[in-house]
Amino acid sequence: MSNFNIDFFEFSFLVEAWYSPSPIARSMFWDDCIDRHYHNMTVDERKILLEWISRNEYFDPEK
């Protein structure tokens, strides 16, 4: 599979879109976010992404 670059804003938008409980392939997406993309973000980007996702109505820090 080829690699491609995406800027942080676009990545954050995709993460938010995939956060809802409806997408069927969301577990594979989250595996990539955790195992690969997380390590490519700066500490500040990680904080911003968490703040952004925390505003999502489906966000539950207990899950």
PDB file of N, CA and C in Angstrom:
ATOM      1  N   MET A   1       0.858  -1.175   0.000  1.00  0.00           N
ATOM      2  CA  MET A   1       0.000   0.000   0.000  1.00  0.00           C
ATOM      3  C   MET A   1       0.898   1.230   0.000  1.00  0.00           C
ATOM      4  N   SER A   2       0.521   2.224  -0.744  1.00  0.00           N
ATOM      5  CA  SER A   2       1.320   3.448  -0.820  1.00  0.00           C
ATOM      6  C   SER A   2       1.037   4.347   0.383  1.00  0.00           C
ATOM      7  N   ASN A   3       2.008   5.151   0.725  1.00  0.00           N
ATOM      8  CA  ASN A   3       1.856   6.132   1.794  1.00  0.00           C
ATOM      9  C   ASN A   3       1.543   7.486   1.192  1.00  0.00           C
ATOM     10  N   PHE A   4       0.828   8.300   1.924  1.00  0.00           N
ATOM     11  CA  PHE A   4       0.544   9.650   1.474  1.00  0.00           C
ATOM     12  C   PHE A   4       0.547  10.559   2.678  1.00  0.00           C
ATOM     13  N   ASN A   5       0.807  11.822   2.446  1.00  0.00           N
ATOM     14  CA  ASN A   5       0.856  12.811   3.519  1.00  0.00           C
ATOM     15  C   ASN A   5      -0.492  13.482   3.683  1.00  0.00           C
ATOM     16  N   ILE A   6      -0.800  13.783   4.928  1.00  0.00           N
ATOM     17  CA  ILE A   6      -2.027  14.507   5.238  1.00  0.00           C
ATOM     18  C   ILE A   6      -1.673  15.501   6.342  1.00  0.00           C
ATOM     19  N   ASP A   7      -2.200  16.696   6.260  1.00  0.00           N
ATOM     20  CA  ASP A   7      -1.857  17.654   7.309  1.00  0.00           C
ATOM     21  C   ASP A   7      -2.677  17.377   8.569  1.00  0.00           C
ATOM     22  N   PHE A   8      -2.255  17.964   9.660  1.00  0.00           N
ATOM     23  CA  PHE A   8      -2.866  17.688  10.958  1.00  0.00           C
ATOM     24  C   PHE A   8      -4.350  18.042  10.991  1.00  0.00           C
ATOM     25  N   PHE A   9      -4.726  19.169  10.400  1.00  0.00           N
ATOM     26  CA  PHE A   9      -6.135  19.573  10.396  1.00  0.00           C
ATOM     27  C   PHE A   9      -6.997  18.535   9.679  1.00  0.00           C
ATOM     28  N   GLU A  10      -6.561  18.084   8.518  1.00  0.00           N
ATOM     29  CA  GLU A  10      -7.317  17.079   7.769  1.00  0.00           C
ATOM     30  C   GLU A  10      -7.394  15.767   8.548  1.00  0.00           C
ATOM     31  N   PHE A  11      -6.293  15.374   9.170  1.00  0.00           N
ATOM     32  CA  PHE A  11      -6.274  14.158   9.977  1.00  0.00           C
ATOM     33  C   PHE A  11      -7.259  14.274  11.145  1.00  0.00           C
ATOM     34  N   SER A  12      -7.261  15.412  11.816  1.00  0.00           N
ATOM     35  CA  SER A  12      -8.174  15.628  12.940  1.00  0.00           C
ATOM     36  C   SER A  12      -9.629  15.556  12.497  1.00  0.00           C
ATOM     37  N   PHE A  13      -9.902  16.118  11.337  1.00  0.00           N
ATOM     38  CA  PHE A  13     -11.258  16.079  10.799  1.00  0.00           C
ATOM     39  C   PHE A  13     -11.684  14.633  10.539  1.00  0.00           C
ATOM     40  N   LEU A  14     -10.791  13.828   9.990  1.00  0.00           N
ATOM     41  CA  LEU A  14     -11.095  12.413   9.748  1.00  0.00           C
ATOM     42  C   LEU A  14     -11.302  11.652  11.050  1.00  0.00           C
ATOM     43  N   VAL A  15     -10.465  11.930  12.038  1.00  0.00           N
ATOM     44  CA  VAL A  15     -10.616  11.266  13.335  1.00  0.00           C
ATOM     45  C   VAL A  15     -11.983  11.582  13.922  1.00  0.00           C
ATOM     46  N   GLU A  16     -12.380  12.829  13.862  1.00  0.00           N
ATOM     47  CA  GLU A  16     -13.693  13.205  14.396  1.00  0.00           C
ATOM     48  C   GLU A  16     -14.816  12.507  13.621  1.00  0.00           C
ATOM     49  N   ALA A  17     -14.697  12.441  12.317  1.00  0.00           N
ATOM     50  CA  ALA A  17     -15.730  11.793  11.502  1.00  0.00           C
ATOM     51  C   ALA A  17     -15.846  10.310  11.822  1.00  0.00           C
ATOM     52  N   TRP A  18     -14.736   9.681  12.131  1.00  0.00           N
ATOM     53  CA  TRP A  18     -14.732   8.246  12.428  1.00  0.00           C
ATOM     54  C   TRP A  18     -15.075   7.951  13.872  1.00  0.00           C
ATOM     55  N   TYR A  19     -15.243   8.978  14.695  1.00  0.00           N
ATOM     56  CA  TYR A  19     -15.507   8.749  16.110  1.00  0.00           C
ATOM     57  C   TYR A  19     -16.937   8.309  16.383  1.00  0.00           C
ATOM     58  N   SER A  20     -17.840   8.582  15.486  1.00  0.00           N
ATOM     59  CA  SER A  20     -19.229   8.177  15.709  1.00  0.00           C
ATOM     60  C   SER A  20     -19.326   6.658  15.743  1.00  0.00           C
ATOM     61  N   PRO A  21     -20.357   6.119  16.373  1.00  0.00           N
ATOM     62  CA  PRO A  21     -20.456   4.665  16.510  1.00  0.00           C
ATOM     63  C   PRO A  21     -20.893   3.933  15.237  1.00  0.00           C
ATOM     64  N   SER A  22     -21.148   4.647  14.155  1.00  0.00           N
ATOM     65  CA  SER A  22     -21.720   3.985  12.981  1.00  0.00           C
ATOM     66  C   SER A  22     -20.757   3.346  11.980  1.00  0.00           C
ATOM     67  N   PRO A  23     -19.553   3.890  11.729  1.00  0.00           N
ATOM     68  CA  PRO A  23     -18.717   3.272  10.694  1.00  0.00           C
ATOM     69  C   PRO A  23     -18.306   1.844  11.046  1.00  0.00           C
ATOM     70  N   ILE A  24     -18.463   0.945  10.097  1.00  0.00           N
ATOM     71  CA  ILE A  24     -18.186  -0.459  10.346  1.00  0.00           C
ATOM     72  C   ILE A  24     -16.690  -0.756  10.428  1.00  0.00           C
ATOM     73  N   ALA A  25     -15.875   0.014   9.730  1.00  0.00           N
ATOM     74  CA  ALA A  25     -14.431  -0.248   9.708  1.00  0.00           C
ATOM     75  C   ALA A  25     -13.677   0.589  10.731  1.00  0.00           C
ATOM     76  N   ARG A  26     -14.363   1.139  11.708  1.00  0.00           N
ATOM     77  CA  ARG A  26     -13.708   2.061  12.628  1.00  0.00           C
ATOM     78  C   ARG A  26     -12.616   1.414  13.468  1.00  0.00           C
ATOM     79  N   SER A  27     -12.719   0.133  13.794  1.00  0.00           N
ATOM     80  CA  SER A  27     -11.686  -0.481  14.625  1.00  0.00           C
ATOM     81  C   SER A  27     -10.345  -0.528  13.902  1.00  0.00           C
ATOM     82  N   MET A  28     -10.346  -0.776  12.603  1.00  0.00           N
ATOM     83  CA  MET A  28      -9.094  -0.781  11.837  1.00  0.00           C
ATOM     84  C   MET A  28      -8.515   0.627  11.757  1.00  0.00           C
ATOM     85  N   PHE A  29      -9.379   1.619  11.588  1.00  0.00           N
ATOM     86  CA  PHE A  29      -8.927   3.007  11.557  1.00  0.00           C
ATOM     87  C   PHE A  29      -8.276   3.380  12.882  1.00  0.00           C
ATOM     88  N   TRP A  30      -8.917   3.017  14.007  1.00  0.00           N
ATOM     89  CA  TRP A  30      -8.376   3.359  15.316  1.00  0.00           C
ATOM     90  C   TRP A  30      -7.073   2.630  15.587  1.00  0.00           C
ATOM     91  N   ASP A  31      -6.945   1.393  15.109  1.00  0.00           N
ATOM     92  CA  ASP A  31      -5.669   0.679  15.252  1.00  0.00           C
ATOM     93  C   ASP A  31      -4.551   1.466  14.579  1.00  0.00           C
ATOM     94  N   ASP A  32      -4.804   1.968  13.377  1.00  0.00           N
ATOM     95  CA  ASP A  32      -3.803   2.779  12.678  1.00  0.00           C
ATOM     96  C   ASP A  32      -3.523   4.081  13.425  1.00  0.00           C
ATOM     97  N   CYS A  33      -4.569   4.720  13.931  1.00  0.00           N
ATOM     98  CA  CYS A  33      -4.373   5.976  14.673  1.00  0.00           C
ATOM     99  C   CYS A  33      -3.488   5.755  15.889  1.00  0.00           C
ATOM    100  N   ILE A  34      -3.728   4.671  16.594  1.00  0.00           N
ATOM    101  CA  ILE A  34      -2.989   4.400  17.825  1.00  0.00           C
ATOM    102  C   ILE A  34      -1.589   3.879  17.539  1.00  0.00           C
ATOM    103  N   ASP A  35      -1.479   2.931  16.629  1.00  0.00           N
ATOM    104  CA  ASP A  35      -0.203   2.258  16.396  1.00  0.00           C
ATOM    105  C   ASP A  35       0.749   3.018  15.482  1.00  0.00           C
ATOM    106  N   ARG A  36       0.216   3.853  14.613  1.00  0.00           N
ATOM    107  CA  ARG A  36       1.074   4.506  13.631  1.00  0.00           C
ATOM    108  C   ARG A  36       1.039   6.028  13.704  1.00  0.00           C
ATOM    109  N   HIS A  37      -0.124   6.607  13.553  1.00  0.00           N
ATOM    110  CA  HIS A  37      -0.230   8.061  13.444  1.00  0.00           C
ATOM    111  C   HIS A  37       0.078   8.783  14.755  1.00  0.00           C
ATOM    112  N   TYR A  38      -0.314   8.201  15.867  1.00  0.00           N
ATOM    113  CA  TYR A  38      -0.062   8.823  17.175  1.00  0.00           C
ATOM    114  C   TYR A  38       1.417   9.153  17.347  1.00  0.00           C
ATOM    115  N   HIS A  39       2.273   8.255  16.935  1.00  0.00           N
ATOM    116  CA  HIS A  39       3.716   8.425  17.124  1.00  0.00           C
ATOM    117  C   HIS A  39       4.321   9.453  16.167  1.00  0.00           C
ATOM    118  N   ASN A  40       3.574   9.837  15.154  1.00  0.00           N
ATOM    119  CA  ASN A  40       4.048  10.861  14.217  1.00  0.00           C
ATOM    120  C   ASN A  40       3.601  12.267  14.611  1.00  0.00           C
ATOM    121  N   MET A  41       2.740  12.366  15.621  1.00  0.00           N
ATOM    122  CA  MET A  41       2.264  13.672  16.072  1.00  0.00           C
ATOM    123  C   MET A  41       3.165  14.231  17.159  1.00  0.00           C
ATOM    124  N   THR A  42       3.207  15.545  17.238  1.00  0.00           N
ATOM    125  CA  THR A  42       3.917  16.188  18.341  1.00  0.00           C
ATOM    126  C   THR A  42       3.035  16.122  19.593  1.00  0.00           C
ATOM    127  N   VAL A  43       3.615  16.411  20.723  1.00  0.00           N
ATOM    128  CA  VAL A  43       2.852  16.439  21.972  1.00  0.00           C
ATOM    129  C   VAL A  43       1.729  17.468  21.881  1.00  0.00           C
ATOM    130  N   ASP A  44       2.013  18.625  21.302  1.00  0.00           N
ATOM    131  CA  ASP A  44       0.977  19.656  21.144  1.00  0.00           C
ATOM    132  C   ASP A  44      -0.149  19.185  20.234  1.00  0.00           C
ATOM    133  N   GLU A  45       0.182  18.502  19.149  1.00  0.00           N
ATOM    134  CA  GLU A  45      -0.859  17.988  18.251  1.00  0.00           C
ATOM    135  C   GLU A  45      -1.722  16.953  18.973  1.00  0.00           C
ATOM    136  N   ARG A  46      -1.121  16.142  19.787  1.00  0.00           N
ATOM    137  CA  ARG A  46      -1.896  15.147  20.555  1.00  0.00           C
ATOM    138  C   ARG A  46      -2.876  15.838  21.493  1.00  0.00           C
ATOM    139  N   LYS A  47      -2.416  16.894  22.157  1.00  0.00           N
ATOM    140  CA  LYS A  47      -3.294  17.643  23.067  1.00  0.00           C
ATOM    141  C   LYS A  47      -4.440  18.301  22.303  1.00  0.00           C
ATOM    142  N   ILE A  48      -4.122  18.916  21.176  1.00  0.00           N
ATOM    143  CA  ILE A  48      -5.153  19.570  20.364  1.00  0.00           C
ATOM    144  C   ILE A  48      -6.179  18.559  19.877  1.00  0.00           C
ATOM    145  N   LEU A  49      -5.707  17.405  19.419  1.00  0.00           N
ATOM    146  CA  LEU A  49      -6.624  16.369  18.929  1.00  0.00           C
ATOM    147  C   LEU A  49      -7.543  15.889  20.049  1.00  0.00           C
ATOM    148  N   LEU A  50      -7.004  15.685  21.239  1.00  0.00           N
ATOM    149  CA  LEU A  50      -7.834  15.269  22.369  1.00  0.00           C
ATOM    150  C   LEU A  50      -8.880  16.331  22.696  1.00  0.00           C
ATOM    151  N   GLU A  51      -8.480  17.596  22.710  1.00  0.00           N
ATOM    152  CA  GLU A  51      -9.442  18.674  22.971  1.00  0.00           C
ATOM    153  C   GLU A  51     -10.546  18.692  21.914  1.00  0.00           C
ATOM    154  N   TRP A  52     -10.150  18.504  20.643  1.00  0.00           N
ATOM    155  CA  TRP A  52     -11.109  18.505  19.547  1.00  0.00           C
ATOM    156  C   TRP A  52     -12.100  17.346  19.693  1.00  0.00           C
ATOM    157  N   ILE A  53     -11.584  16.153  19.926  1.00  0.00           N
ATOM    158  CA  ILE A  53     -12.432  14.970  20.030  1.00  0.00           C
ATOM    159  C   ILE A  53     -13.307  15.034  21.278  1.00  0.00           C
ATOM    160  N   SER A  54     -12.821  15.658  22.329  1.00  0.00           N
ATOM    161  CA  SER A  54     -13.598  15.767  23.578  1.00  0.00           C
ATOM    162  C   SER A  54     -14.903  16.525  23.372  1.00  0.00           C
ATOM    163  N   ARG A  55     -14.959  17.347  22.340  1.00  0.00           N
ATOM    164  CA  ARG A  55     -16.187  18.107  22.046  1.00  0.00           C
ATOM    165  C   ARG A  55     -17.235  17.273  21.300  1.00  0.00           C
ATOM    166  N   ASN A  56     -16.834  16.111  20.801  1.00  0.00           N
ATOM    167  CA  ASN A  56     -17.735  15.242  20.040  1.00  0.00           C
ATOM    168  C   ASN A  56     -18.775  14.644  20.988  1.00  0.00           C
ATOM    169  N   GLU A  57     -20.013  14.629  20.558  1.00  0.00           N
ATOM    170  CA  GLU A  57     -21.101  14.148  21.413  1.00  0.00           C
ATOM    171  C   GLU A  57     -20.944  12.676  21.792  1.00  0.00           C
ATOM    172  N   TYR A  58     -20.198  11.905  21.013  1.00  0.00           N
ATOM    173  CA  TYR A  58     -20.017  10.483  21.294  1.00  0.00           C
ATOM    174  C   TYR A  58     -18.811  10.208  22.176  1.00  0.00           C
ATOM    175  N   PHE A  59     -18.033  11.223  22.478  1.00  0.00           N
ATOM    176  CA  PHE A  59     -16.807  11.019  23.266  1.00  0.00           C
ATOM    177  C   PHE A  59     -17.144  10.606  24.688  1.00  0.00           C
ATOM    178  N   ASP A  60     -16.523   9.515  25.124  1.00  0.00           N
ATOM    179  CA  ASP A  60     -16.671   9.031  26.485  1.00  0.00           C
ATOM    180  C   ASP A  60     -15.295   8.582  26.955  1.00  0.00           C
ATOM    181  N   PRO A  61     -14.651   9.347  27.828  1.00  0.00           N
ATOM    182  CA  PRO A  61     -13.291   8.997  28.245  1.00  0.00           C
ATOM    183  C   PRO A  61     -13.189   7.649  28.958  1.00  0.00           C
ATOM    184  N   GLU A  62     -14.316   7.135  29.426  1.00  0.00           N
ATOM    185  CA  GLU A  62     -14.302   5.826  30.073  1.00  0.00           C
ATOM    186  C   GLU A  62     -14.157   4.680  29.076  1.00  0.00           C
ATOM    187  N   LYS A  63     -14.464   4.947  27.819  1.00  0.00           N
ATOM    188  CA  LYS A  63     -14.337   3.899  26.797  1.00  0.00           C
ATOM    189  C   LYS A  63     -12.970   3.965  26.224  1.00  0.00           C
TER     190      LYS A  63
END
